[in-house]
Amino acid sequence: MSNPLICVRGLTKKFGDLTAVDGVNFEVAEGESFGLLGPNGAGKSTIMCILAATSTRTSGTVEILDKDPEKFGPLVRAHLGVVPQQDNLDGELTVSENLFIYGRYFGLSKKFINNKIEELLEFAQLQEKRDVKVEALSGGMKRRLTIARGLVSEPDILLLDEPTTGLDPQARHILWDRLFRLKEQGVTLVLTTHFMDEAEQLCDRLVVMDKGAIMAQGSPAGLIKEYSSKEVLEVRFGSERNADVALVLRNICERMEVLPDRILMYADDGEKLLEEITVLKLHPTTSLVRRSSLEDVFLRLTGRTLIE
């Protein structure tokens, strides 16, 4: 990648004997939507703190806009918008007051901020809430306001740490739409998530992380093609039977994942696989054929028990 906005090489972060980030490498291009996908504790938020120049690294190199955030923290932060995992809005202030005060932290003029507030309220669909105290907003509204606040300084890069955690499906889709608009405007997005559908929807490229290390990276479609089959057959026989039935089924599919509540069988043709199960006179209580997803990639890469 030529002239990436973000370049991370051998990044390691330790807290005593705990290695939170273990030799991570990745690059982010201008205008790209880049994701860090992994479970809680994978090291995603630690990386975001290092990128945001609010945490030091143990070893490795990090460059944002050709600058080391540890050495040039204020210069780097001037180009960043940050949306933390937990909303840290001032509940006693109104929506517009939160935006105004945050803009003043960046030294922006009152005239600029007042004009910017109108634009951001429209972007966040909060025009009718401009004079409402934040404590009275719904969770989705607060999240949209937190993203709008991160855009006050017109950043080149927006860092979003689990932006839709705790939101209902409708609020999540509204937020996704706002992020799509930002990307269309040329803002570079870096986000963490443990939602597979969110990563598929929002990310041009992503890394799959587990226990502080990168297990794989690429586009969502590319990772699915590389690490999973075309289709997945989900069958349930009852938790007490799953393990025994799996021993019978293991020879008729490419790969199998035995979960507590169901068995995932990977193949190019899920319906044909279901027919083969019927021939064996095994009758699942439920069955579902679906396309492979990032969740299947994640199950394969993160050390879960697999029967292959």
Protein backbone atom coordinates (compact mmCIF):
# COMPACT_ATOMS: atom_id res chain seq x y z
CA MET A 1 0.00 0.00 0.00
CA SER A 2 1.57 3.32 -1.09
CA ASN A 3 1.43 6.23 1.37
CA PRO A 4 -1.02 4.74 3.92
CA LEU A 5 -2.61 7.13 6.41
CA ILE A 6 -1.93 4.66 9.21
CA CYS A 7 0.99 2.24 9.34
CA VAL A 8 1.40 -0.19 12.26
CA ARG A 9 4.38 -2.53 12.49
CA GLY A 10 5.11 -5.06 15.24
CA LEU A 11 2.84 -3.28 17.70
CA THR A 12 2.99 -4.82 21.17
CA LYS A 13 1.37 -3.62 24.38
CA LYS A 14 1.92 -5.31 27.75
CA PHE A 15 0.31 -4.69 31.11
CA GLY A 16 2.63 -6.46 33.50
CA ASP A 17 2.60 -10.14 32.53
CA LEU A 18 -0.42 -9.68 30.27
CA THR A 19 0.24 -9.17 26.57
CA ALA A 20 -2.82 -7.26 25.35
CA VAL A 21 -1.49 -6.67 21.81
CA ASP A 22 1.04 -9.11 20.36
CA GLY A 23 3.10 -8.04 17.33
CA VAL A 24 0.29 -6.56 15.25
CA ASN A 25 0.84 -5.30 11.67
CA PHE A 26 -1.64 -3.46 9.43
CA GLU A 27 -2.06 -0.42 7.19
CA VAL A 28 -5.05 1.81 6.48
CA ALA A 29 -5.42 3.72 3.22
CA GLU A 30 -6.98 7.14 2.75
CA GLY A 31 -10.77 6.93 2.40
CA GLU A 32 -10.87 3.32 3.55
CA SER A 33 -13.19 1.78 6.11
CA PHE A 34 -10.98 -0.54 8.16
CA GLY A 35 -12.15 -2.84 10.93
CA LEU A 36 -10.70 -4.62 13.93
CA LEU A 37 -12.96 -7.63 14.50
CA GLY A 38 -12.72 -9.77 17.60
CA PRO A 39 -14.29 -10.80 20.91
CA ASN A 40 -14.05 -8.75 24.09
CA GLY A 41 -10.47 -8.87 25.33
CA ALA A 42 -8.95 -9.37 21.88
CA GLY A 43 -6.92 -6.13 22.12
CA LYS A 44 -9.04 -3.95 19.85
CA SER A 45 -9.67 -1.09 22.28
CA THR A 46 -6.02 -1.08 23.36
CA ILE A 47 -4.98 -0.54 19.74
CA MET A 48 -7.51 2.27 19.40
CA CYS A 49 -6.09 4.03 22.47
CA ILE A 50 -2.61 3.82 20.96
CA LEU A 51 -3.84 5.19 17.63
CA ALA A 52 -5.63 8.01 19.45
CA ALA A 53 -2.35 8.99 21.13
CA THR A 54 -3.79 8.39 24.60
CA SER A 55 -1.74 5.28 25.41
CA THR A 56 1.91 4.35 24.89
CA ARG A 57 3.09 1.13 23.26
CA THR A 58 5.56 -1.37 24.66
CA SER A 59 7.30 -1.95 21.33
CA GLY A 60 6.80 -1.64 17.59
CA THR A 61 6.12 1.40 15.42
CA VAL A 62 2.98 3.41 14.69
CA GLU A 63 2.71 6.20 12.13
CA ILE A 64 -0.39 8.29 11.49
CA LEU A 65 -0.06 10.79 8.66
CA ASP A 66 3.70 10.02 8.77
CA LYS A 67 3.92 11.01 12.45
CA ASP A 68 4.50 8.96 15.58
CA PRO A 69 1.51 9.63 17.90
CA GLU A 70 3.74 9.25 20.98
CA LYS A 71 6.07 12.03 19.81
CA PHE A 72 3.55 14.24 18.06
CA GLY A 73 0.38 13.60 20.06
CA PRO A 74 -1.26 17.03 19.67
CA LEU A 75 -0.50 17.19 15.94
CA VAL A 76 -1.90 13.70 15.38
CA ARG A 77 -5.00 14.29 17.52
CA ALA A 78 -5.76 17.43 15.50
CA HIS A 79 -6.51 15.14 12.53
CA LEU A 80 -8.50 12.56 14.49
CA GLY A 81 -12.11 12.26 15.51
CA VAL A 82 -12.68 9.79 18.33
CA VAL A 83 -15.88 7.94 19.24
CA PRO A 84 -15.16 6.04 22.48
CA GLN A 85 -16.79 2.77 23.45
CA GLN A 86 -18.76 4.45 26.24
CA ASP A 87 -20.59 7.71 25.54
CA ASN A 88 -18.94 10.42 27.65
CA LEU A 89 -21.33 13.25 26.86
CA ASP A 90 -22.25 15.84 29.47
CA GLY A 91 -25.79 14.90 30.46
CA GLU A 92 -26.52 18.29 32.06
CA LEU A 93 -25.83 20.17 28.82
CA THR A 94 -28.00 20.30 25.73
CA VAL A 95 -27.17 18.63 22.44
CA SER A 96 -25.91 21.85 20.84
CA GLU A 97 -23.95 22.83 23.97
CA ASN A 98 -22.08 19.51 23.92
CA LEU A 99 -21.03 20.15 20.33
CA PHE A 100 -20.07 23.76 21.01
CA ILE A 101 -17.89 23.05 24.03
CA TYR A 102 -16.11 20.17 22.30
CA GLY A 103 -15.34 22.44 19.36
CA ARG A 104 -13.80 25.00 21.71
CA TYR A 105 -11.44 22.31 23.02
CA PHE A 106 -9.93 22.32 19.52
CA GLY A 107 -9.57 26.09 19.56
CA LEU A 108 -12.15 26.56 16.83
CA SER A 109 -13.84 29.95 16.50
CA LYS A 110 -17.37 30.45 17.80
CA LYS A 111 -18.57 31.37 14.31
CA PHE A 112 -17.11 28.21 12.78
CA ILE A 113 -18.56 25.99 15.51
CA ASN A 114 -22.04 27.52 15.31
CA ASN A 115 -22.12 26.91 11.56
CA LYS A 116 -20.75 23.41 12.05
CA ILE A 117 -23.39 22.60 14.67
CA GLU A 118 -26.18 23.08 12.13
CA GLU A 119 -24.47 20.72 9.71
CA LEU A 120 -23.83 18.08 12.38
CA LEU A 121 -27.36 18.21 13.77
CA GLU A 122 -28.68 17.49 10.27
CA PHE A 123 -26.15 14.68 9.83
CA ALA A 124 -27.13 13.08 13.15
CA GLN A 125 -30.86 13.68 12.62
CA LEU A 126 -31.04 15.63 15.88
CA GLN A 127 -32.29 19.03 14.68
CA GLU A 128 -35.41 18.79 16.87
CA LYS A 129 -33.29 17.85 19.89
CA ARG A 130 -30.79 20.70 19.72
CA ASP A 131 -32.01 22.32 22.97
CA VAL A 132 -32.76 19.07 24.80
CA LYS A 133 -30.48 17.93 27.61
CA VAL A 134 -28.44 14.85 26.72
CA GLU A 135 -29.72 12.89 29.71
CA ALA A 136 -33.18 12.85 28.08
CA LEU A 137 -31.97 11.26 24.82
CA SER A 138 -32.35 7.63 23.81
CA GLY A 139 -29.30 5.40 23.48
CA GLY A 140 -29.31 5.68 19.69
CA MET A 141 -29.55 9.46 19.81
CA LYS A 142 -26.65 9.67 22.25
CA ARG A 143 -24.55 7.47 19.99
CA ARG A 144 -25.30 9.63 16.95
CA LEU A 145 -24.45 12.74 18.96
CA THR A 146 -21.13 11.19 20.07
CA ILE A 147 -20.24 10.54 16.42
CA ALA A 148 -21.31 14.07 15.44
CA ARG A 149 -19.14 15.46 18.25
CA GLY A 150 -16.16 13.57 16.88
CA LEU A 151 -16.66 15.37 13.55
CA VAL A 152 -16.61 18.93 14.92
CA SER A 153 -12.98 19.47 13.91
CA GLU A 154 -13.49 17.96 10.43
CA PRO A 155 -11.02 15.09 11.04
CA ASP A 156 -9.24 13.12 8.33
CA ILE A 157 -9.62 9.91 10.36
CA LEU A 158 -12.53 8.85 12.57
CA LEU A 159 -11.80 6.20 15.21
CA LEU A 160 -14.92 4.34 16.38
CA ASP A 161 -14.67 1.87 19.26
CA GLU A 162 -17.63 -0.54 19.07
CA PRO A 163 -19.96 2.18 17.76
CA THR A 164 -23.26 0.25 17.94
CA THR A 165 -22.90 -1.77 21.15
CA GLY A 166 -26.15 -1.67 23.12
CA LEU A 167 -28.29 -0.29 20.30
CA ASP A 168 -31.46 -1.88 18.97
CA PRO A 169 -31.52 -3.07 15.32
CA GLN A 170 -33.23 0.08 14.00
CA ALA A 171 -30.75 2.38 15.75
CA ARG A 172 -27.84 0.30 14.43
CA HIS A 173 -29.03 0.62 10.83
CA ILE A 174 -29.49 4.39 11.18
CA LEU A 175 -25.96 4.63 12.52
CA TRP A 176 -24.61 2.48 9.68
CA ASP A 177 -26.23 4.87 7.22
CA ARG A 178 -24.49 7.84 8.88
CA LEU A 179 -21.14 6.07 8.63
CA PHE A 180 -21.71 5.22 4.96
CA ARG A 181 -22.29 8.93 4.32
CA LEU A 182 -19.01 9.82 6.03
CA LYS A 183 -17.12 7.33 3.90
CA GLU A 184 -18.69 8.78 0.76
CA GLN A 185 -17.37 12.18 1.88
CA GLY A 186 -13.83 10.79 2.02
CA VAL A 187 -13.44 10.34 5.78
CA THR A 188 -11.22 7.40 6.69
CA LEU A 189 -12.94 5.12 9.20
CA VAL A 190 -11.23 2.80 11.67
CA LEU A 191 -13.66 0.84 13.81
CA THR A 192 -13.68 -2.01 16.29
CA THR A 193 -16.58 -4.39 16.57
CA HIS A 194 -17.51 -7.86 17.74
CA PHE A 195 -20.58 -7.90 15.51
CA MET A 196 -19.92 -9.95 12.38
CA ASP A 197 -22.74 -8.40 10.36
CA GLU A 198 -21.46 -4.92 11.19
CA ALA A 199 -17.99 -5.80 9.94
CA GLU A 200 -19.45 -7.18 6.70
CA GLN A 201 -21.62 -4.11 6.19
CA LEU A 202 -19.11 -1.37 6.99
CA CYS A 203 -15.57 -2.58 6.31
CA ASP A 204 -13.64 -2.53 3.06
CA ARG A 205 -10.92 -4.49 4.84
CA LEU A 206 -10.54 -5.87 8.33
CA VAL A 207 -8.34 -7.93 10.61
CA VAL A 208 -9.68 -10.82 12.67
CA MET A 209 -8.14 -10.67 16.15
CA ASP A 210 -8.01 -13.06 19.07
CA LYS A 211 -5.94 -12.87 22.27
CA GLY A 212 -4.04 -9.80 21.08
CA ALA A 213 -2.90 -11.28 17.77
CA ILE A 214 -4.12 -10.98 14.18
CA MET A 215 -5.40 -14.30 12.86
CA ALA A 216 -6.17 -13.09 9.32
CA GLN A 217 -6.82 -9.94 7.34
CA GLY A 218 -8.47 -9.00 4.07
CA SER A 219 -11.83 -7.95 2.66
CA PRO A 220 -14.93 -9.57 4.20
CA ALA A 221 -15.69 -11.39 0.95
CA GLY A 222 -12.07 -12.44 0.54
CA LEU A 223 -11.85 -13.86 4.05
CA ILE A 224 -15.10 -15.78 3.63
CA LYS A 225 -13.88 -17.24 0.34
CA GLU A 226 -10.50 -18.20 1.80
CA TYR A 227 -11.58 -19.65 5.12
CA SER A 228 -15.06 -21.03 4.60
CA SER A 229 -17.21 -22.97 2.16
CA LYS A 230 -19.97 -21.49 0.02
CA GLU A 231 -22.80 -22.62 2.27
CA VAL A 232 -23.45 -23.69 5.84
CA LEU A 233 -26.05 -26.17 7.03
CA GLU A 234 -27.16 -25.58 10.61
CA VAL A 235 -28.84 -28.59 12.22
CA ARG A 236 -30.13 -29.21 15.74
CA PHE A 237 -30.66 -32.63 17.26
CA GLY A 238 -30.91 -31.59 20.90
CA SER A 239 -27.88 -30.75 23.03
CA GLU A 240 -27.73 -34.27 24.48
CA ARG A 241 -27.42 -35.80 21.00
CA ASN A 242 -25.23 -33.29 19.16
CA ALA A 243 -21.87 -34.84 20.07
CA ASP A 244 -22.96 -38.40 19.18
CA VAL A 245 -24.59 -37.36 15.90
CA ALA A 246 -21.51 -35.34 14.94
CA LEU A 247 -19.40 -38.50 14.93
CA VAL A 248 -21.72 -39.94 12.28
CA LEU A 249 -21.90 -36.77 10.17
CA ARG A 250 -18.22 -35.83 10.18
CA ASN A 251 -17.45 -37.84 7.04
CA ILE A 252 -20.08 -36.27 4.77
CA CYS A 253 -19.00 -32.61 4.91
CA GLU A 254 -15.87 -30.53 4.35
CA ARG A 255 -15.74 -29.27 7.93
CA MET A 256 -17.89 -29.26 11.02
CA GLU A 257 -18.32 -27.07 14.09
CA VAL A 258 -20.11 -28.56 17.10
CA LEU A 259 -21.67 -25.84 19.25
CA PRO A 260 -23.70 -26.38 22.44
CA ASP A 261 -27.02 -25.77 20.71
CA ARG A 262 -26.37 -26.79 17.10
CA ILE A 263 -24.02 -28.35 14.57
CA LEU A 264 -22.61 -26.28 11.70
CA MET A 265 -21.74 -28.27 8.57
CA TYR A 266 -19.73 -26.62 5.79
CA ALA A 267 -20.18 -27.55 2.12
CA ASP A 268 -20.67 -26.08 -1.34
CA ASP A 269 -24.28 -27.34 -1.46
CA GLY A 270 -26.18 -27.23 1.82
CA GLU A 271 -29.41 -28.70 0.46
CA LYS A 272 -27.58 -31.72 -0.92
CA LEU A 273 -25.92 -32.19 2.44
CA LEU A 274 -29.31 -32.13 4.15
CA GLU A 275 -30.51 -34.86 1.78
CA GLU A 276 -27.52 -37.01 2.75
CA ILE A 277 -28.45 -36.61 6.41
CA THR A 278 -31.96 -37.83 5.59
CA VAL A 279 -30.53 -40.88 3.82
CA LEU A 280 -28.68 -41.70 7.04
CA LYS A 281 -32.10 -41.65 8.76
CA LEU A 282 -31.09 -38.83 11.05
CA HIS A 283 -33.86 -36.32 11.59
CA PRO A 284 -32.81 -32.91 12.96
CA THR A 285 -35.38 -30.98 14.96
CA THR A 286 -34.51 -27.88 12.90
CA SER A 287 -32.36 -27.21 9.85
CA LEU A 288 -31.24 -24.08 8.01
CA VAL A 289 -29.13 -23.60 4.88
CA ARG A 290 -27.40 -20.21 4.64
CA ARG A 291 -24.41 -18.61 2.96
CA SER A 292 -21.10 -18.54 4.77
CA SER A 293 -20.41 -15.43 6.83
CA LEU A 294 -17.65 -13.79 8.82
CA GLU A 295 -18.94 -15.62 11.89
CA ASP A 296 -17.92 -18.89 10.26
CA VAL A 297 -14.50 -17.46 9.46
CA PHE A 298 -14.15 -16.32 13.05
CA LEU A 299 -15.11 -19.72 14.45
CA ARG A 300 -12.44 -21.34 12.30
CA LEU A 301 -9.67 -18.89 13.14
CA THR A 302 -10.07 -18.34 16.85
CA GLY A 303 -9.22 -21.72 18.23
CA ARG A 304 -12.68 -23.18 18.79
CA THR A 305 -12.96 -26.96 18.72
CA LEU A 306 -13.38 -28.12 15.13
CA ILE A 307 -14.12 -31.58 13.73
CA GLU A 308 -12.55 -31.76 10.27
